Amino acid sequence: MAVSLPELTGDYVLDIAHSRIGFVARHAMVTKVRGAFLQFEGTAHLDGADPARSTGQVVIKAESIDTGVEQRDQHLRTNDFLDVPNFPEITFRSTAVEVRSDTDYRVTGDLTVKDTTRPVTIDFEYTGNAVDPYGNLRVGLEGSVTISRKEFGVTWNAALEGGGVLVGDKIVLEFDISAIKQG
């Protein structure tokens, strides 16, 4: 049974087993590589009466990057890309929430990658809420944002013989979130 928006007010923890933080990058100018971060944690405070007062934060373990190809994942963990030994976490902390409709929200916050922090704005769709078989109130959100990896100091690339580069600058970050109300 779904609950009303005001009843959603409270503190939430991301359900890691039912959430995904993924990405899409252009490769060799002709195809896309998809991947995800397998280890992350996050919390949120939802204000059902005034959603603009809601907040959220996520901490991602950079070493958990997974594209399904171990050799590529190892390269992504090096200084060429994420420099995991020196910057083990990627973080996002919200700074503002804009209500666009009953189901659409724009969340602005500070994204930090490789010790570079920049504001990003993520469009989220509220996909609903439900009480699971264990009595937990869950909310669902789906969102995405396109960022420039170069703006975060991730600049490695290789020129292609016919022109262009091996790795595109634009990265799409994808968020499929299931959060559980605490208390």
C-alpha atoms as a PDB file:
ATOM      1  CA  MET A   1       0.000   0.000   0.000  1.00  0.00           C
ATOM      2  CA  ALA A   2       1.455   3.355  -1.038  1.00  0.00           C
ATOM      3  CA  VAL A   3       1.530   6.244   1.424  1.00  0.00           C
ATOM      4  CA  SER A   4       0.925   9.947   0.786  1.00  0.00           C
ATOM      5  CA  LEU A   5       3.738  12.429   0.242  1.00  0.00           C
ATOM      6  CA  PRO A   6       3.577  13.962   3.758  1.00  0.00           C
ATOM      7  CA  GLU A   7       3.855  10.454   5.258  1.00  0.00           C
ATOM      8  CA  LEU A   8       7.184  10.011   3.457  1.00  0.00           C
ATOM      9  CA  THR A   9       8.880  12.579   5.694  1.00  0.00           C
ATOM     10  CA  GLY A  10      11.848  11.043   7.460  1.00  0.00           C
ATOM     11  CA  ASP A  11      15.370   9.715   7.184  1.00  0.00           C
ATOM     12  CA  TYR A  12      16.283   7.080   4.585  1.00  0.00           C
ATOM     13  CA  VAL A  13      19.192   4.775   3.791  1.00  0.00           C
ATOM     14  CA  LEU A  14      19.921   3.518   0.282  1.00  0.00           C
ATOM     15  CA  ASP A  15      19.174  -0.171  -0.149  1.00  0.00           C
ATOM     16  CA  ILE A  16      22.401  -1.209  -1.858  1.00  0.00           C
ATOM     17  CA  ALA A  17      21.007  -4.582  -2.954  1.00  0.00           C
ATOM     18  CA  HIS A  18      18.214  -2.873  -4.905  1.00  0.00           C
ATOM     19  CA  SER A  19      19.938   0.300  -6.095  1.00  0.00           C
ATOM     20  CA  ARG A  20      22.381   0.945  -8.926  1.00  0.00           C
ATOM     21  CA  ILE A  21      24.815   3.753  -9.668  1.00  0.00           C
ATOM     22  CA  GLY A  22      25.948   3.342 -13.228  1.00  0.00           C
ATOM     23  CA  PHE A  23      27.603   5.196 -16.068  1.00  0.00           C
ATOM     24  CA  VAL A  24      27.828   5.237 -19.843  1.00  0.00           C
ATOM     25  CA  ALA A  25      30.884   6.423 -21.808  1.00  0.00           C
ATOM     26  CA  ARG A  26      31.479   6.679 -25.540  1.00  0.00           C
ATOM     27  CA  HIS A  27      34.320   4.382 -26.733  1.00  0.00           C
ATOM     28  CA  ALA A  28      36.281   4.771 -29.978  1.00  0.00           C
ATOM     29  CA  MET A  29      33.659   7.230 -31.226  1.00  0.00           C
ATOM     30  CA  VAL A  30      31.396   4.345 -32.300  1.00  0.00           C
ATOM     31  CA  THR A  31      29.997   2.514 -29.295  1.00  0.00           C
ATOM     32  CA  LYS A  32      29.170   2.860 -25.613  1.00  0.00           C
ATOM     33  CA  VAL A  33      30.713   1.190 -22.591  1.00  0.00           C
ATOM     34  CA  ARG A  34      28.395   0.723 -19.626  1.00  0.00           C
ATOM     35  CA  GLY A  35      29.400   0.071 -16.087  1.00  0.00           C
ATOM     36  CA  ALA A  36      28.500   0.562 -12.463  1.00  0.00           C
ATOM     37  CA  PHE A  37      29.958   1.130  -9.041  1.00  0.00           C
ATOM     38  CA  LEU A  38      29.240  -1.908  -6.881  1.00  0.00           C
ATOM     39  CA  GLN A  39      30.018  -0.397  -3.458  1.00  0.00           C
ATOM     40  CA  PHE A  40      28.341   2.757  -2.225  1.00  0.00           C
ATOM     41  CA  GLU A  41      26.251   4.064   0.611  1.00  0.00           C
ATOM     42  CA  GLY A  42      23.857   6.919   0.917  1.00  0.00           C
ATOM     43  CA  THR A  43      21.359   8.652   3.118  1.00  0.00           C
ATOM     44  CA  ALA A  44      18.564  11.114   2.543  1.00  0.00           C
ATOM     45  CA  HIS A  45      16.113  13.185   4.496  1.00  0.00           C
ATOM     46  CA  LEU A  46      12.809  13.522   2.679  1.00  0.00           C
ATOM     47  CA  ASP A  47      10.432  16.320   3.586  1.00  0.00           C
ATOM     48  CA  GLY A  48       7.037  15.303   2.242  1.00  0.00           C
ATOM     49  CA  ALA A  49       5.375  18.575   3.213  1.00  0.00           C
ATOM     50  CA  ASP A  50       8.081  20.672   1.534  1.00  0.00           C
ATOM     51  CA  PRO A  51      10.154  18.481  -0.831  1.00  0.00           C
ATOM     52  CA  ALA A  52      12.491  21.410  -1.584  1.00  0.00           C
ATOM     53  CA  ARG A  53      13.824  20.980   1.976  1.00  0.00           C
ATOM     54  CA  SER A  54      14.903  17.390   1.291  1.00  0.00           C
ATOM     55  CA  THR A  55      18.599  16.453   1.296  1.00  0.00           C
ATOM     56  CA  GLY A  56      20.739  13.534   0.196  1.00  0.00           C
ATOM     57  CA  GLN A  57      24.310  12.330   0.016  1.00  0.00           C
ATOM     58  CA  VAL A  58      26.122   9.382  -1.543  1.00  0.00           C
ATOM     59  CA  VAL A  59      29.639   8.026  -1.031  1.00  0.00           C
ATOM     60  CA  ILE A  60      30.935   5.704  -3.764  1.00  0.00           C
ATOM     61  CA  LYS A  61      33.970   3.432  -3.397  1.00  0.00           C
ATOM     62  CA  ALA A  62      35.878   4.219  -6.607  1.00  0.00           C
ATOM     63  CA  GLU A  63      37.666   0.860  -6.572  1.00  0.00           C
ATOM     64  CA  SER A  64      34.308  -0.871  -7.040  1.00  0.00           C
ATOM     65  CA  ILE A  65      34.054   0.293 -10.672  1.00  0.00           C
ATOM     66  CA  ASP A  66      32.869  -2.594 -12.853  1.00  0.00           C
ATOM     67  CA  THR A  67      32.489  -2.626 -16.630  1.00  0.00           C
ATOM     68  CA  GLY A  68      32.579  -6.395 -16.951  1.00  0.00           C
ATOM     69  CA  VAL A  69      36.158  -6.355 -18.297  1.00  0.00           C
ATOM     70  CA  GLU A  70      38.774  -6.670 -15.539  1.00  0.00           C
ATOM     71  CA  GLN A  71      41.649  -5.280 -17.621  1.00  0.00           C
ATOM     72  CA  ARG A  72      39.618  -2.139 -18.408  1.00  0.00           C
ATOM     73  CA  ASP A  73      38.497  -1.832 -14.781  1.00  0.00           C
ATOM     74  CA  GLN A  74      42.121  -1.980 -13.619  1.00  0.00           C
ATOM     75  CA  HIS A  75      43.012   0.823 -16.053  1.00  0.00           C
ATOM     76  CA  LEU A  76      40.064   2.908 -14.836  1.00  0.00           C
ATOM     77  CA  ARG A  77      41.404   2.596 -11.264  1.00  0.00           C
ATOM     78  CA  THR A  78      44.804   4.092 -12.234  1.00  0.00           C
ATOM     79  CA  ASN A  79      45.865   7.737 -12.301  1.00  0.00           C
ATOM     80  CA  ASP A  80      44.833   7.844 -15.982  1.00  0.00           C
ATOM     81  CA  PHE A  81      41.235   7.895 -14.769  1.00  0.00           C
ATOM     82  CA  LEU A  82      40.051   7.677 -11.121  1.00  0.00           C
ATOM     83  CA  ASP A  83      43.422   7.381  -9.318  1.00  0.00           C
ATOM     84  CA  VAL A  84      41.871   5.133  -6.683  1.00  0.00           C
ATOM     85  CA  PRO A  85      44.961   4.916  -4.404  1.00  0.00           C
ATOM     86  CA  ASN A  86      44.889   8.690  -3.891  1.00  0.00           C
ATOM     87  CA  PHE A  87      41.149   9.320  -4.241  1.00  0.00           C
ATOM     88  CA  PRO A  88      39.280   6.257  -2.963  1.00  0.00           C
ATOM     89  CA  GLU A  89      35.851   7.920  -2.808  1.00  0.00           C
ATOM     90  CA  ILE A  90      33.524   9.767  -5.136  1.00  0.00           C
ATOM     91  CA  THR A  91      30.945  11.841  -3.265  1.00  0.00           C
ATOM     92  CA  PHE A  92      27.746  13.728  -3.950  1.00  0.00           C
ATOM     93  CA  ARG A  93      26.053  16.045  -1.444  1.00  0.00           C
ATOM     94  CA  SER A  94      22.852  17.836  -2.354  1.00  0.00           C
ATOM     95  CA  THR A  95      22.604  21.599  -1.981  1.00  0.00           C
ATOM     96  CA  ALA A  96      19.110  22.229  -3.386  1.00  0.00           C
ATOM     97  CA  VAL A  97      15.994  20.384  -4.496  1.00  0.00           C
ATOM     98  CA  GLU A  98      13.604  21.883  -7.026  1.00  0.00           C
ATOM     99  CA  VAL A  99      10.099  20.468  -7.384  1.00  0.00           C
ATOM    100  CA  ARG A 100       9.217  20.302 -11.100  1.00  0.00           C
ATOM    101  CA  SER A 101       5.998  18.247 -10.806  1.00  0.00           C
ATOM    102  CA  ASP A 102       4.447  15.619  -8.551  1.00  0.00           C
ATOM    103  CA  THR A 103       6.975  13.085  -9.833  1.00  0.00           C
ATOM    104  CA  ASP A 104       9.865  15.143 -11.219  1.00  0.00           C
ATOM    105  CA  TYR A 105      12.580  16.720  -9.104  1.00  0.00           C
ATOM    106  CA  ARG A 106      15.811  18.503  -9.933  1.00  0.00           C
ATOM    107  CA  VAL A 107      18.538  17.881  -7.349  1.00  0.00           C
ATOM    108  CA  THR A 108      21.592  20.132  -7.391  1.00  0.00           C
ATOM    109  CA  GLY A 109      24.661  19.247  -5.389  1.00  0.00           C
ATOM    110  CA  ASP A 110      28.417  19.025  -5.162  1.00  0.00           C
ATOM    111  CA  LEU A 111      30.022  16.085  -6.969  1.00  0.00           C
ATOM    112  CA  THR A 112      33.622  15.338  -5.992  1.00  0.00           C
ATOM    113  CA  VAL A 113      35.824  13.168  -8.222  1.00  0.00           C
ATOM    114  CA  LYS A 114      39.625  13.056  -7.806  1.00  0.00           C
ATOM    115  CA  ASP A 115      39.538  15.923  -5.297  1.00  0.00           C
ATOM    116  CA  THR A 116      37.735  18.187  -7.772  1.00  0.00           C
ATOM    117  CA  THR A 117      34.325  19.400  -6.631  1.00  0.00           C
ATOM    118  CA  ARG A 118      31.848  20.854  -9.089  1.00  0.00           C
ATOM    119  CA  PRO A 119      28.114  21.522  -8.941  1.00  0.00           C
ATOM    120  CA  VAL A 120      25.894  19.167 -10.918  1.00  0.00           C
ATOM    121  CA  THR A 121      22.136  19.027 -11.372  1.00  0.00           C
ATOM    122  CA  ILE A 122      20.439  15.645 -11.605  1.00  0.00           C
ATOM    123  CA  ASP A 123      16.890  15.222 -12.864  1.00  0.00           C
ATOM    124  CA  PHE A 124      15.081  12.555 -10.854  1.00  0.00           C
ATOM    125  CA  GLU A 125      11.750  10.865 -11.353  1.00  0.00           C
ATOM    126  CA  TYR A 126       9.976   9.724  -8.188  1.00  0.00           C
ATOM    127  CA  THR A 127       8.817   6.226  -9.165  1.00  0.00           C
ATOM    128  CA  GLY A 128       6.661   5.579  -6.114  1.00  0.00           C
ATOM    129  CA  ASN A 129       6.651   4.061  -2.676  1.00  0.00           C
ATOM    130  CA  ALA A 130       5.578   0.809  -1.117  1.00  0.00           C
ATOM    131  CA  VAL A 131       5.713  -1.125   2.125  1.00  0.00           C
ATOM    132  CA  ASP A 132       7.713  -4.301   1.504  1.00  0.00           C
ATOM    133  CA  PRO A 133       6.907  -7.735   3.031  1.00  0.00           C
ATOM    134  CA  TYR A 134       9.166  -6.905   5.994  1.00  0.00           C
ATOM    135  CA  GLY A 135       7.255  -3.746   6.887  1.00  0.00           C
ATOM    136  CA  ASN A 136       9.847  -1.331   5.461  1.00  0.00           C
ATOM    137  CA  LEU A 137       8.629   1.798   3.706  1.00  0.00           C
ATOM    138  CA  ARG A 138      10.568   2.138   0.451  1.00  0.00           C
ATOM    139  CA  VAL A 139      10.763   4.982  -2.043  1.00  0.00           C
ATOM    140  CA  GLY A 140      12.081   4.755  -5.578  1.00  0.00           C
ATOM    141  CA  LEU A 141      13.902   7.348  -7.663  1.00  0.00           C
ATOM    142  CA  GLU A 142      15.475   7.204 -11.099  1.00  0.00           C
ATOM    143  CA  GLY A 143      17.739   9.885 -12.481  1.00  0.00           C
ATOM    144  CA  SER A 144      20.616  10.763 -14.719  1.00  0.00           C
ATOM    145  CA  VAL A 145      23.025  13.566 -15.543  1.00  0.00           C
ATOM    146  CA  THR A 146      25.680  14.080 -18.194  1.00  0.00           C
ATOM    147  CA  ILE A 147      29.024  15.406 -16.983  1.00  0.00           C
ATOM    148  CA  SER A 148      32.336  16.284 -18.606  1.00  0.00           C
ATOM    149  CA  ARG A 149      34.998  13.978 -17.179  1.00  0.00           C
ATOM    150  CA  LYS A 150      37.673  16.568 -18.043  1.00  0.00           C
ATOM    151  CA  GLU A 151      36.032  19.024 -15.627  1.00  0.00           C
ATOM    152  CA  PHE A 152      36.869  16.536 -12.859  1.00  0.00           C
ATOM    153  CA  GLY A 153      40.497  16.046 -13.859  1.00  0.00           C
ATOM    154  CA  VAL A 154      39.896  12.785 -15.734  1.00  0.00           C
ATOM    155  CA  THR A 155      41.698  13.703 -18.943  1.00  0.00           C
ATOM    156  CA  TRP A 156      43.516  10.613 -20.248  1.00  0.00           C
ATOM    157  CA  ASN A 157      42.815   9.757 -23.878  1.00  0.00           C
ATOM    158  CA  ALA A 158      44.349   8.337 -27.030  1.00  0.00           C
ATOM    159  CA  ALA A 159      43.979   9.652 -30.572  1.00  0.00           C
ATOM    160  CA  LEU A 160      42.414   7.363 -33.156  1.00  0.00           C
ATOM    161  CA  GLU A 161      44.084   6.847 -36.516  1.00  0.00           C
ATOM    162  CA  GLY A 162      41.074   8.100 -38.475  1.00  0.00           C
ATOM    163  CA  GLY A 163      40.455  11.064 -36.169  1.00  0.00           C
ATOM    164  CA  GLY A 164      38.685  11.399 -32.884  1.00  0.00           C
ATOM    165  CA  VAL A 165      39.611   9.909 -29.538  1.00  0.00           C
ATOM    166  CA  LEU A 166      39.344   6.584 -27.737  1.00  0.00           C
ATOM    167  CA  VAL A 167      37.257   7.804 -24.782  1.00  0.00           C
ATOM    168  CA  GLY A 168      34.522  10.418 -25.044  1.00  0.00           C
ATOM    169  CA  ASP A 169      34.483  13.378 -22.666  1.00  0.00           C
ATOM    170  CA  LYS A 170      30.777  13.166 -21.835  1.00  0.00           C
ATOM    171  CA  ILE A 171      29.814  10.596 -19.198  1.00  0.00           C
ATOM    172  CA  VAL A 172      26.208   9.814 -18.328  1.00  0.00           C
ATOM    173  CA  LEU A 173      25.735   8.988 -14.650  1.00  0.00           C
ATOM    174  CA  GLU A 174      22.656   6.858 -13.927  1.00  0.00           C
ATOM    175  CA  PHE A 175      20.884   6.446 -10.602  1.00  0.00           C
ATOM    176  CA  ASP A 176      18.302   3.758  -9.831  1.00  0.00           C
ATOM    177  CA  ILE A 177      17.543   4.233  -6.158  1.00  0.00           C
ATOM    178  CA  SER A 178      15.569   2.243  -3.628  1.00  0.00           C
ATOM    179  CA  ALA A 179      15.701   3.860  -0.193  1.00  0.00           C
ATOM    180  CA  ILE A 180      14.322   2.504   3.081  1.00  0.00           C
ATOM    181  CA  LYS A 181      12.803   4.765   5.732  1.00  0.00           C
ATOM    182  CA  GLN A 182      14.544   4.500   9.099  1.00  0.00           C
ATOM    183  CA  GLY A 183      12.861   4.438  12.489  1.00  0.00           C
END
